[in-house]
Amino acid sequence: MITRYVFFNVIQSVPVIFTLNAADGVLTLAALGFLGFGIDYPAAEWGLDVSRAISDVVSGFWWTAFFPGMAITTLVVGLTLVGEGLNDIVNPLLRTQAYEGSVDAKDDA
């Protein structure tokens, strides 16, 4: 009884939650590195790279902070979009609503 109603509704959310938590983890790791609580300098870490490049931005070398920041942003947005795409594919309620919405749109045209 529980597996029939609860398990199948919960198991759909696992890949979606995994990708969204991965995006949250990347952002948290970058923030901790930016604040100085992450990995030490010789290791490559995007938050630390942005933190060390702040003084270069004031000097006019904006690209030293721009590219690590864009890498963080691209990865987080990409993981979020993958999670939302998985949610659209896996969630049966969204599939039926999208199908009904597309039928209504064709009838109105």
PDB file of N, CA and C in Angstrom:
ATOM      1  N   MET A   1       0.826  -1.190   0.000  1.00  0.00           N
ATOM      2  CA  MET A   1       0.000   0.000   0.000  1.00  0.00           C
ATOM      3  C   MET A   1       0.872   1.257   0.000  1.00  0.00           C
ATOM      4  N   ILE A   2       1.871   1.286   0.895  1.00  0.00           N
ATOM      5  CA  ILE A   2       2.735   2.464   0.955  1.00  0.00           C
ATOM      6  C   ILE A   2       3.575   2.568  -0.310  1.00  0.00           C
ATOM      7  N   THR A   3       4.091   1.450  -0.773  1.00  0.00           N
ATOM      8  CA  THR A   3       4.918   1.520  -1.981  1.00  0.00           C
ATOM      9  C   THR A   3       4.101   1.933  -3.191  1.00  0.00           C
ATOM     10  N   ARG A   4       2.853   1.588  -3.194  1.00  0.00           N
ATOM     11  CA  ARG A   4       2.023   1.912  -4.349  1.00  0.00           C
ATOM     12  C   ARG A   4       1.717   3.400  -4.434  1.00  0.00           C
ATOM     13  N   TYR A   5       1.458   4.039  -3.312  1.00  0.00           N
ATOM     14  CA  TYR A   5       1.039   5.435  -3.333  1.00  0.00           C
ATOM     15  C   TYR A   5       2.149   6.417  -2.976  1.00  0.00           C
ATOM     16  N   VAL A   6       2.994   6.045  -2.061  1.00  0.00           N
ATOM     17  CA  VAL A   6       4.011   6.982  -1.588  1.00  0.00           C
ATOM     18  C   VAL A   6       5.322   6.820  -2.345  1.00  0.00           C
ATOM     19  N   PHE A   7       5.811   5.606  -2.457  1.00  0.00           N
ATOM     20  CA  PHE A   7       7.132   5.374  -3.033  1.00  0.00           C
ATOM     21  C   PHE A   7       7.234   5.879  -4.468  1.00  0.00           C
ATOM     22  N   PHE A   8       6.254   5.599  -5.291  1.00  0.00           N
ATOM     23  CA  PHE A   8       6.330   6.005  -6.694  1.00  0.00           C
ATOM     24  C   PHE A   8       6.210   7.516  -6.864  1.00  0.00           C
ATOM     25  N   ASN A   9       5.545   8.182  -5.932  1.00  0.00           N
ATOM     26  CA  ASN A   9       5.484   9.643  -5.991  1.00  0.00           C
ATOM     27  C   ASN A   9       6.753  10.284  -5.452  1.00  0.00           C
ATOM     28  N   VAL A  10       7.413   9.624  -4.521  1.00  0.00           N
ATOM     29  CA  VAL A  10       8.635  10.177  -3.937  1.00  0.00           C
ATOM     30  C   VAL A  10       9.842   9.909  -4.832  1.00  0.00           C
ATOM     31  N   ILE A  11       9.909   8.737  -5.435  1.00  0.00           N
ATOM     32  CA  ILE A  11      11.085   8.362  -6.221  1.00  0.00           C
ATOM     33  C   ILE A  11      11.260   9.258  -7.441  1.00  0.00           C
ATOM     34  N   GLN A  12      10.187   9.879  -7.913  1.00  0.00           N
ATOM     35  CA  GLN A  12      10.293  10.783  -9.054  1.00  0.00           C
ATOM     36  C   GLN A  12      11.096  12.026  -8.711  1.00  0.00           C
ATOM     37  N   SER A  13      11.053  12.431  -7.468  1.00  0.00           N
ATOM     38  CA  SER A  13      11.705  13.669  -7.054  1.00  0.00           C
ATOM     39  C   SER A  13      13.191  13.514  -6.770  1.00  0.00           C
ATOM     40  N   VAL A  14      13.690  12.301  -6.645  1.00  0.00           N
ATOM     41  CA  VAL A  14      15.085  12.087  -6.249  1.00  0.00           C
ATOM     42  C   VAL A  14      16.078  12.692  -7.241  1.00  0.00           C
ATOM     43  N   PRO A  15      15.982  12.459  -8.554  1.00  0.00           N
ATOM     44  CA  PRO A  15      16.963  13.090  -9.450  1.00  0.00           C
ATOM     45  C   PRO A  15      16.849  14.604  -9.488  1.00  0.00           C
ATOM     46  N   VAL A  16      15.646  15.108  -9.345  1.00  0.00           N
ATOM     47  CA  VAL A  16      15.442  16.561  -9.344  1.00  0.00           C
ATOM     48  C   VAL A  16      16.088  17.175  -8.113  1.00  0.00           C
ATOM     49  N   ILE A  17      15.854  16.588  -6.968  1.00  0.00           N
ATOM     50  CA  ILE A  17      16.432  17.095  -5.722  1.00  0.00           C
ATOM     51  C   ILE A  17      17.953  16.976  -5.757  1.00  0.00           C
ATOM     52  N   PHE A  18      18.475  15.900  -6.342  1.00  0.00           N
ATOM     53  CA  PHE A  18      19.921  15.721  -6.443  1.00  0.00           C
ATOM     54  C   PHE A  18      20.566  16.840  -7.254  1.00  0.00           C
ATOM     55  N   THR A  19      20.001  17.171  -8.408  1.00  0.00           N
ATOM     56  CA  THR A  19      20.608  18.219  -9.236  1.00  0.00           C
ATOM     57  C   THR A  19      20.480  19.589  -8.588  1.00  0.00           C
ATOM     58  N   LEU A  20      19.361  19.864  -7.943  1.00  0.00           N
ATOM     59  CA  LEU A  20      19.211  21.162  -7.287  1.00  0.00           C
ATOM     60  C   LEU A  20      20.122  21.274  -6.069  1.00  0.00           C
ATOM     61  N   ASN A  21      20.319  20.172  -5.347  1.00  0.00           N
ATOM     62  CA  ASN A  21      21.261  20.192  -4.226  1.00  0.00           C
ATOM     63  C   ASN A  21      22.702  20.308  -4.711  1.00  0.00           C
ATOM     64  N   ALA A  22      23.015  19.752  -5.872  1.00  0.00           N
ATOM     65  CA  ALA A  22      24.358  19.906  -6.433  1.00  0.00           C
ATOM     66  C   ALA A  22      24.623  21.368  -6.775  1.00  0.00           C
ATOM     67  N   ALA A  23      23.627  22.053  -7.340  1.00  0.00           N
ATOM     68  CA  ALA A  23      23.778  23.481  -7.632  1.00  0.00           C
ATOM     69  C   ALA A  23      23.951  24.275  -6.348  1.00  0.00           C
ATOM     70  N   ASP A  24      23.196  23.924  -5.329  1.00  0.00           N
ATOM     71  CA  ASP A  24      23.330  24.599  -4.039  1.00  0.00           C
ATOM     72  C   ASP A  24      24.702  24.337  -3.428  1.00  0.00           C
ATOM     73  N   GLY A  25      25.211  23.133  -3.578  1.00  0.00           N
ATOM     74  CA  GLY A  25      26.535  22.804  -3.059  1.00  0.00           C
ATOM     75  C   GLY A  25      27.646  23.571  -3.754  1.00  0.00           C
ATOM     76  N   VAL A  26      27.546  23.719  -5.064  1.00  0.00           N
ATOM     77  CA  VAL A  26      28.551  24.487  -5.811  1.00  0.00           C
ATOM     78  C   VAL A  26      28.547  25.937  -5.351  1.00  0.00           C
ATOM     79  N   LEU A  27      27.358  26.500  -5.195  1.00  0.00           N
ATOM     80  CA  LEU A  27      27.253  27.893  -4.766  1.00  0.00           C
ATOM     81  C   LEU A  27      27.755  28.077  -3.332  1.00  0.00           C
ATOM     82  N   THR A  28      27.456  27.140  -2.461  1.00  0.00           N
ATOM     83  CA  THR A  28      27.937  27.214  -1.080  1.00  0.00           C
ATOM     84  C   THR A  28      29.451  27.070  -1.017  1.00  0.00           C
ATOM     85  N   LEU A  29      29.998  26.141  -1.787  1.00  0.00           N
ATOM     86  CA  LEU A  29      31.450  25.951  -1.812  1.00  0.00           C
ATOM     87  C   LEU A  29      32.163  27.190  -2.338  1.00  0.00           C
ATOM     88  N   ALA A  30      31.603  27.818  -3.362  1.00  0.00           N
ATOM     89  CA  ALA A  30      32.202  29.043  -3.899  1.00  0.00           C
ATOM     90  C   ALA A  30      32.113  30.178  -2.890  1.00  0.00           C
ATOM     91  N   ALA A  31      31.003  30.274  -2.181  1.00  0.00           N
ATOM     92  CA  ALA A  31      30.862  31.331  -1.175  1.00  0.00           C
ATOM     93  C   ALA A  31      31.841  31.127  -0.026  1.00  0.00           C
ATOM     94  N   LEU A  32      31.997  29.891   0.420  1.00  0.00           N
ATOM     95  CA  LEU A  32      32.966  29.624   1.491  1.00  0.00           C
ATOM     96  C   LEU A  32      34.391  29.900   1.029  1.00  0.00           C
ATOM     97  N   GLY A  33      34.706  29.556  -0.204  1.00  0.00           N
ATOM     98  CA  GLY A  33      36.030  29.864  -0.743  1.00  0.00           C
ATOM     99  C   GLY A  33      36.256  31.360  -0.858  1.00  0.00           C
ATOM    100  N   PHE A  34      35.222  32.095  -1.247  1.00  0.00           N
ATOM    101  CA  PHE A  34      35.327  33.546  -1.354  1.00  0.00           C
ATOM    102  C   PHE A  34      35.582  34.180   0.013  1.00  0.00           C
ATOM    103  N   LEU A  35      34.943  33.649   1.043  1.00  0.00           N
ATOM    104  CA  LEU A  35      35.122  34.181   2.393  1.00  0.00           C
ATOM    105  C   LEU A  35      36.405  33.707   3.058  1.00  0.00           C
ATOM    106  N   GLY A  36      37.102  32.754   2.447  1.00  0.00           N
ATOM    107  CA  GLY A  36      38.370  32.285   2.999  1.00  0.00           C
ATOM    108  C   GLY A  36      38.263  31.027   3.828  1.00  0.00           C
ATOM    109  N   PHE A  37      37.110  30.384   3.832  1.00  0.00           N
ATOM    110  CA  PHE A  37      36.919  29.166   4.614  1.00  0.00           C
ATOM    111  C   PHE A  37      37.030  27.900   3.776  1.00  0.00           C
ATOM    112  N   GLY A  38      37.453  28.025   2.538  1.00  0.00           N
ATOM    113  CA  GLY A  38      37.528  26.878   1.635  1.00  0.00           C
ATOM    114  C   GLY A  38      38.925  26.296   1.567  1.00  0.00           C
ATOM    115  N   ILE A  39      39.262  25.799   0.402  1.00  0.00           N
ATOM    116  CA  ILE A  39      40.556  25.174   0.154  1.00  0.00           C
ATOM    117  C   ILE A  39      41.628  26.260   0.076  1.00  0.00           C
ATOM    118  N   ASP A  40      42.851  25.942   0.522  1.00  0.00           N
ATOM    119  CA  ASP A  40      43.944  26.911   0.507  1.00  0.00           C
ATOM    120  C   ASP A  40      44.394  27.232  -0.916  1.00  0.00           C
ATOM    121  N   TYR A  41      45.254  28.239  -1.032  1.00  0.00           N
ATOM    122  CA  TYR A  41      45.593  28.861  -2.315  1.00  0.00           C
ATOM    123  C   TYR A  41      46.111  27.950  -3.420  1.00  0.00           C
ATOM    124  N   PRO A  42      47.049  27.064  -3.232  1.00  0.00           N
ATOM    125  CA  PRO A  42      47.569  26.368  -4.420  1.00  0.00           C
ATOM    126  C   PRO A  42      46.508  25.570  -5.178  1.00  0.00           C
ATOM    127  N   ALA A  43      45.457  25.164  -4.517  1.00  0.00           N
ATOM    128  CA  ALA A  43      44.400  24.409  -5.195  1.00  0.00           C
ATOM    129  C   ALA A  43      43.510  25.364  -5.994  1.00  0.00           C
ATOM    130  N   ALA A  44      42.990  24.871  -7.093  1.00  0.00           N
ATOM    131  CA  ALA A  44      42.097  25.680  -7.928  1.00  0.00           C
ATOM    132  C   ALA A  44      40.693  25.636  -7.333  1.00  0.00           C
ATOM    133  N   GLU A  45      40.201  26.797  -6.939  1.00  0.00           N
ATOM    134  CA  GLU A  45      38.864  26.897  -6.357  1.00  0.00           C
ATOM    135  C   GLU A  45      38.272  28.221  -6.799  1.00  0.00           C
ATOM    136  N   TRP A  46      37.094  28.199  -7.415  1.00  0.00           N
ATOM    137  CA  TRP A  46      36.543  29.388  -8.061  1.00  0.00           C
ATOM    138  C   TRP A  46      36.242  30.511  -7.083  1.00  0.00           C
ATOM    139  N   GLY A  47      35.720  30.194  -5.922  1.00  0.00           N
ATOM    140  CA  GLY A  47      35.426  31.236  -4.943  1.00  0.00           C
ATOM    141  C   GLY A  47      36.691  31.941  -4.470  1.00  0.00           C
ATOM    142  N   LEU A  48      37.744  31.182  -4.253  1.00  0.00           N
ATOM    143  CA  LEU A  48      39.025  31.764  -3.861  1.00  0.00           C
ATOM    144  C   LEU A  48      39.618  32.585  -4.999  1.00  0.00           C
ATOM    145  N   ASP A  49      39.437  32.122  -6.236  1.00  0.00           N
ATOM    146  CA  ASP A  49      39.925  32.890  -7.388  1.00  0.00           C
ATOM    147  C   ASP A  49      39.234  34.245  -7.480  1.00  0.00           C
ATOM    148  N   VAL A  50      37.927  34.277  -7.257  1.00  0.00           N
ATOM    149  CA  VAL A  50      37.193  35.548  -7.290  1.00  0.00           C
ATOM    150  C   VAL A  50      37.645  36.439  -6.144  1.00  0.00           C
ATOM    151  N   SER A  51      37.847  35.864  -4.972  1.00  0.00           N
ATOM    152  CA  SER A  51      38.274  36.643  -3.810  1.00  0.00           C
ATOM    153  C   SER A  51      39.649  37.269  -4.030  1.00  0.00           C
ATOM    154  N   ARG A  52      40.573  36.508  -4.579  1.00  0.00           N
ATOM    155  CA  ARG A  52      41.917  37.043  -4.816  1.00  0.00           C
ATOM    156  C   ARG A  52      41.935  38.056  -5.949  1.00  0.00           C
ATOM    157  N   ALA A  53      40.949  38.012  -6.839  1.00  0.00           N
ATOM    158  CA  ALA A  53      40.926  38.906  -7.995  1.00  0.00           C
ATOM    159  C   ALA A  53      40.236  40.237  -7.709  1.00  0.00           C
ATOM    160  N   ILE A  54      39.662  40.422  -6.535  1.00  0.00           N
ATOM    161  CA  ILE A  54      38.968  41.679  -6.228  1.00  0.00           C
ATOM    162  C   ILE A  54      39.931  42.863  -6.291  1.00  0.00           C
ATOM    163  N   SER A  55      41.136  42.700  -5.792  1.00  0.00           N
ATOM    164  CA  SER A  55      42.104  43.801  -5.859  1.00  0.00           C
ATOM    165  C   SER A  55      42.522  44.083  -7.304  1.00  0.00           C
ATOM    166  N   ASP A  56      42.523  43.073  -8.153  1.00  0.00           N
ATOM    167  CA  ASP A  56      42.837  43.282  -9.567  1.00  0.00           C
ATOM    168  C   ASP A  56      41.731  44.045 -10.281  1.00  0.00           C
ATOM    169  N   VAL A  57      40.492  43.837  -9.874  1.00  0.00           N
ATOM    170  CA  VAL A  57      39.367  44.544 -10.500  1.00  0.00           C
ATOM    171  C   VAL A  57      39.484  46.037 -10.246  1.00  0.00           C
ATOM    172  N   VAL A  58      39.890  46.414  -9.051  1.00  0.00           N
ATOM    173  CA  VAL A  58      40.076  47.832  -8.725  1.00  0.00           C
ATOM    174  C   VAL A  58      41.180  48.426  -9.591  1.00  0.00           C
ATOM    175  N   SER A  59      42.190  47.636  -9.921  1.00  0.00           N
ATOM    176  CA  SER A  59      43.295  48.107 -10.761  1.00  0.00           C
ATOM    177  C   SER A  59      42.944  48.147 -12.241  1.00  0.00           C
ATOM    178  N   GLY A  60      41.799  47.612 -12.613  1.00  0.00           N
ATOM    179  CA  GLY A  60      41.365  47.638 -14.002  1.00  0.00           C
ATOM    180  C   GLY A  60      41.433  46.302 -14.708  1.00  0.00           C
ATOM    181  N   PHE A  61      41.874  45.267 -14.039  1.00  0.00           N
ATOM    182  CA  PHE A  61      41.949  43.933 -14.637  1.00  0.00           C
ATOM    183  C   PHE A  61      40.685  43.152 -14.272  1.00  0.00           C
ATOM    184  N   TRP A  62      39.571  43.496 -14.904  1.00  0.00           N
ATOM    185  CA  TRP A  62      38.267  42.951 -14.537  1.00  0.00           C
ATOM    186  C   TRP A  62      38.127  41.473 -14.882  1.00  0.00           C
ATOM    187  N   TRP A  63      38.844  41.002 -15.882  1.00  0.00           N
ATOM    188  CA  TRP A  63      38.670  39.635 -16.351  1.00  0.00           C
ATOM    189  C   TRP A  63      39.180  38.601 -15.366  1.00  0.00           C
ATOM    190  N   THR A  64      40.030  39.006 -14.419  1.00  0.00           N
ATOM    191  CA  THR A  64      40.535  38.027 -13.452  1.00  0.00           C
ATOM    192  C   THR A  64      39.441  37.553 -12.502  1.00  0.00           C
ATOM    193  N   ALA A  65      38.425  38.367 -12.277  1.00  0.00           N
ATOM    194  CA  ALA A  65      37.292  37.955 -11.449  1.00  0.00           C
ATOM    195  C   ALA A  65      36.090  37.557 -12.294  1.00  0.00           C
ATOM    196  N   PHE A  66      36.023  38.051 -13.524  1.00  0.00           N
ATOM    197  CA  PHE A  66      34.850  37.808 -14.364  1.00  0.00           C
ATOM    198  C   PHE A  66      34.723  36.342 -14.771  1.00  0.00           C
ATOM    199  N   PHE A  67      35.806  35.743 -15.237  1.00  0.00           N
ATOM    200  CA  PHE A  67      35.712  34.387 -15.765  1.00  0.00           C
ATOM    201  C   PHE A  67      35.447  33.331 -14.688  1.00  0.00           C
ATOM    202  N   PRO A  68      36.079  33.384 -13.504  1.00  0.00           N
ATOM    203  CA  PRO A  68      35.663  32.428 -12.468  1.00  0.00           C
ATOM    204  C   PRO A  68      34.220  32.660 -12.008  1.00  0.00           C
ATOM    205  N   GLY A  69      33.808  33.920 -11.944  1.00  0.00           N
ATOM    206  CA  GLY A  69      32.422  34.215 -11.574  1.00  0.00           C
ATOM    207  C   GLY A  69      31.433  33.697 -12.601  1.00  0.00           C
ATOM    208  N   MET A  70      31.779  33.840 -13.878  1.00  0.00           N
ATOM    209  CA  MET A  70      30.904  33.317 -14.931  1.00  0.00           C
ATOM    210  C   MET A  70      30.891  31.792 -14.938  1.00  0.00           C
ATOM    211  N   ALA A  71      32.000  31.166 -14.575  1.00  0.00           N
ATOM    212  CA  ALA A  71      32.028  29.704 -14.492  1.00  0.00           C
ATOM    213  C   ALA A  71      31.098  29.221 -13.385  1.00  0.00           C
ATOM    214  N   ILE A  72      31.124  29.892 -12.238  1.00  0.00           N
ATOM    215  CA  ILE A  72      30.223  29.547 -11.141  1.00  0.00           C
ATOM    216  C   ILE A  72      28.778  29.740 -11.574  1.00  0.00           C
ATOM    217  N   THR A  73      28.490  30.885 -12.176  1.00  0.00           N
ATOM    218  CA  THR A  73      27.123  31.194 -12.595  1.00  0.00           C
ATOM    219  C   THR A  73      26.628  30.207 -13.643  1.00  0.00           C
ATOM    220  N   THR A  74      27.465  29.890 -14.619  1.00  0.00           N
ATOM    221  CA  THR A  74      27.068  28.966 -15.676  1.00  0.00           C
ATOM    222  C   THR A  74      26.791  27.574 -15.125  1.00  0.00           C
ATOM    223  N   LEU A  75      27.637  27.104 -14.227  1.00  0.00           N
ATOM    224  CA  LEU A  75      27.439  25.780 -13.651  1.00  0.00           C
ATOM    225  C   LEU A  75      26.172  25.724 -12.808  1.00  0.00           C
ATOM    226  N   VAL A  76      25.938  26.741 -11.978  1.00  0.00           N
ATOM    227  CA  VAL A  76      24.757  26.741 -11.113  1.00  0.00           C
ATOM    228  C   VAL A  76      23.478  26.849 -11.937  1.00  0.00           C
ATOM    229  N   VAL A  77      23.458  27.744 -12.919  1.00  0.00           N
ATOM    230  CA  VAL A  77      22.269  27.876 -13.764  1.00  0.00           C
ATOM    231  C   VAL A  77      22.056  26.604 -14.585  1.00  0.00           C
ATOM    232  N   GLY A  78      23.131  26.011 -15.080  1.00  0.00           N
ATOM    233  CA  GLY A  78      23.009  24.772 -15.842  1.00  0.00           C
ATOM    234  C   GLY A  78      22.446  23.633 -15.013  1.00  0.00           C
ATOM    235  N   LEU A  79      22.945  23.460 -13.800  1.00  0.00           N
ATOM    236  CA  LEU A  79      22.416  22.410 -12.931  1.00  0.00           C
ATOM    237  C   LEU A  79      20.959  22.668 -12.565  1.00  0.00           C
ATOM    238  N   THR A  80      20.604  23.925 -12.358  1.00  0.00           N
ATOM    239  CA  THR A  80      19.218  24.258 -12.046  1.00  0.00           C
ATOM    240  C   THR A  80      18.305  23.957 -13.230  1.00  0.00           C
ATOM    241  N   LEU A  81      18.745  24.283 -14.436  1.00  0.00           N
ATOM    242  CA  LEU A  81      17.934  23.998 -15.618  1.00  0.00           C
ATOM    243  C   LEU A  81      17.810  22.496 -15.866  1.00  0.00           C
ATOM    244  N   VAL A  82      18.864  21.746 -15.591  1.00  0.00           N
ATOM    245  CA  VAL A  82      18.778  20.289 -15.708  1.00  0.00           C
ATOM    246  C   VAL A  82      17.772  19.745 -14.702  1.00  0.00           C
ATOM    247  N   GLY A  83      17.795  20.261 -13.480  1.00  0.00           N
ATOM    248  CA  GLY A  83      16.832  19.828 -12.469  1.00  0.00           C
ATOM    249  C   GLY A  83      15.404  20.156 -12.850  1.00  0.00           C
ATOM    250  N   GLU A  84      15.187  21.347 -13.381  1.00  0.00           N
ATOM    251  CA  GLU A  84      13.840  21.719 -13.814  1.00  0.00           C
ATOM    252  C   GLU A  84      13.400  20.886 -15.015  1.00  0.00           C
ATOM    253  N   GLY A  85      14.318  20.603 -15.922  1.00  0.00           N
ATOM    254  CA  GLY A  85      13.986  19.749 -17.060  1.00  0.00           C
ATOM    255  C   GLY A  85      13.636  18.337 -16.630  1.00  0.00           C
ATOM    256  N   LEU A  86      14.400  17.798 -15.679  1.00  0.00           N
ATOM    257  CA  LEU A  86      14.069  16.479 -15.146  1.00  0.00           C
ATOM    258  C   LEU A  86      12.713  16.489 -14.461  1.00  0.00           C
ATOM    259  N   ASN A  87      12.407  17.565 -13.770  1.00  0.00           N
ATOM    260  CA  ASN A  87      11.108  17.672 -13.115  1.00  0.00           C
ATOM    261  C   ASN A  87       9.986  17.673 -14.148  1.00  0.00           C
ATOM    262  N   ASP A  88      10.184  18.364 -15.248  1.00  0.00           N
ATOM    263  CA  ASP A  88       9.165  18.384 -16.299  1.00  0.00           C
ATOM    264  C   ASP A  88       8.998  17.013 -16.945  1.00  0.00           C
ATOM    265  N   ILE A  89      10.081  16.261 -17.067  1.00  0.00           N
ATOM    266  CA  ILE A  89      10.013  14.942 -17.698  1.00  0.00           C
ATOM    267  C   ILE A  89       9.428  13.901 -16.749  1.00  0.00           C
ATOM    268  N   VAL A  90       9.865  13.924 -15.490  1.00  0.00           N
ATOM    269  CA  VAL A  90       9.540  12.853 -14.555  1.00  0.00           C
ATOM    270  C   VAL A  90       8.184  13.042 -13.886  1.00  0.00           C
ATOM    271  N   ASN A  91       7.778  14.257 -13.621  1.00  0.00           N
ATOM    272  CA  ASN A  91       6.557  14.514 -12.863  1.00  0.00           C
ATOM    273  C   ASN A  91       5.330  14.294 -13.750  1.00  0.00           C
ATOM    274  N   PRO A  92       4.503  13.303 -13.438  1.00  0.00           N
ATOM    275  CA  PRO A  92       3.348  13.035 -14.297  1.00  0.00           C
ATOM    276  C   PRO A  92       2.284  14.127 -14.224  1.00  0.00           C
ATOM    277  N   LEU A  93       2.199  14.823 -13.120  1.00  0.00           N
ATOM    278  CA  LEU A  93       1.208  15.898 -13.020  1.00  0.00           C
ATOM    279  C   LEU A  93       1.530  17.033 -13.979  1.00  0.00           C
ATOM    280  N   LEU A  94       2.800  17.357 -14.117  1.00  0.00           N
ATOM    281  CA  LEU A  94       3.186  18.412 -15.052  1.00  0.00           C
ATOM    282  C   LEU A  94       2.984  17.976 -16.496  1.00  0.00           C
ATOM    283  N   ARG A  95       3.184  16.689 -16.777  1.00  0.00           N
ATOM    284  CA  ARG A  95       2.970  16.201 -18.138  1.00  0.00           C
ATOM    285  C   ARG A  95       1.506  16.313 -18.540  1.00  0.00           C
ATOM    286  N   THR A  96       0.587  15.975 -17.639  1.00  0.00           N
ATOM    287  CA  THR A  96      -0.833  16.062 -17.989  1.00  0.00           C
ATOM    288  C   THR A  96      -1.277  17.508 -18.103  1.00  0.00           C
ATOM    289  N   GLN A  97      -0.755  18.398 -17.259  1.00  0.00           N
ATOM    290  CA  GLN A  97      -1.113  19.812 -17.357  1.00  0.00           C
ATOM    291  C   GLN A  97      -0.572  20.416 -18.639  1.00  0.00           C
ATOM    292  N   ALA A  98       0.635  20.068 -19.029  1.00  0.00           N
ATOM    293  CA  ALA A  98       1.206  20.601 -20.264  1.00  0.00           C
ATOM    294  C   ALA A  98       0.436  20.076 -21.469  1.00  0.00           C
ATOM    295  N   TYR A  99       0.026  18.818 -21.408  1.00  0.00           N
ATOM    296  CA  TYR A  99      -0.731  18.244 -22.510  1.00  0.00           C
ATOM    297  C   TYR A  99      -2.094  18.920 -22.633  1.00  0.00           C
ATOM    298  N   GLU A 100      -2.767  19.118 -21.501  1.00  0.00           N
ATOM    299  CA  GLU A 100      -4.066  19.780 -21.535  1.00  0.00           C
ATOM    300  C   GLU A 100      -3.931  21.226 -21.980  1.00  0.00           C
ATOM    301  N   GLY A 101      -2.862  21.886 -21.560  1.00  0.00           N
ATOM    302  CA  GLY A 101      -2.646  23.268 -21.968  1.00  0.00           C
ATOM    303  C   GLY A 101      -2.392  23.384 -23.457  1.00  0.00           C
ATOM    304  N   SER A 102      -1.673  22.417 -24.039  1.00  0.00           N
ATOM    305  CA  SER A 102      -1.400  22.486 -25.474  1.00  0.00           C
ATOM    306  C   SER A 102      -2.660  22.209 -26.284  1.00  0.00           C
ATOM    307  N   VAL A 103      -3.552  21.362 -25.779  1.00  0.00           N
ATOM    308  CA  VAL A 103      -4.807  21.100 -26.478  1.00  0.00           C
ATOM    309  C   VAL A 103      -5.682  22.344 -26.454  1.00  0.00           C
ATOM    310  N   ASP A 104      -5.739  23.039 -25.296  1.00  0.00           N
ATOM    311  CA  ASP A 104      -6.531  24.262 -25.200  1.00  0.00           C
ATOM    312  C   ASP A 104      -5.989  25.338 -26.123  1.00  0.00           C
ATOM    313  N   ALA A 105      -4.680  25.405 -26.248  1.00  0.00           N
ATOM    314  CA  ALA A 105      -4.088  26.427 -27.108  1.00  0.00           C
ATOM    315  C   ALA A 105      -4.441  26.169 -28.572  1.00  0.00           C
ATOM    316  N   LYS A 106      -4.521  24.895 -28.976  1.00  0.00           N
ATOM    317  CA  LYS A 106      -4.883  24.587 -30.361  1.00  0.00           C
ATOM    318  C   LYS A 106      -6.360  24.877 -30.627  1.00  0.00           C
ATOM    319  N   ASP A 107      -7.219  24.656 -29.621  1.00  0.00           N
ATOM    320  CA  ASP A 107      -8.642  24.917 -29.796  1.00  0.00           C
ATOM    321  C   ASP A 107      -8.938  26.396 -29.926  1.00  0.00           C
ATOM    322  N   ASP A 108      -8.172  27.244 -29.228  1.00  0.00           N
ATOM    323  CA  ASP A 108      -8.401  28.689 -29.274  1.00  0.00           C
ATOM    324  C   ASP A 108      -7.939  29.294 -30.587  1.00  0.00           C
ATOM    325  N   ALA A 109      -6.982  28.679 -31.246  1.00  0.00           N
ATOM    326  CA  ALA A 109      -6.397  29.258 -32.465  1.00  0.00           C
ATOM    327  C   ALA A 109      -7.263  29.115 -33.670  1.00  0.00           C
TER     328      ALA A 109
END
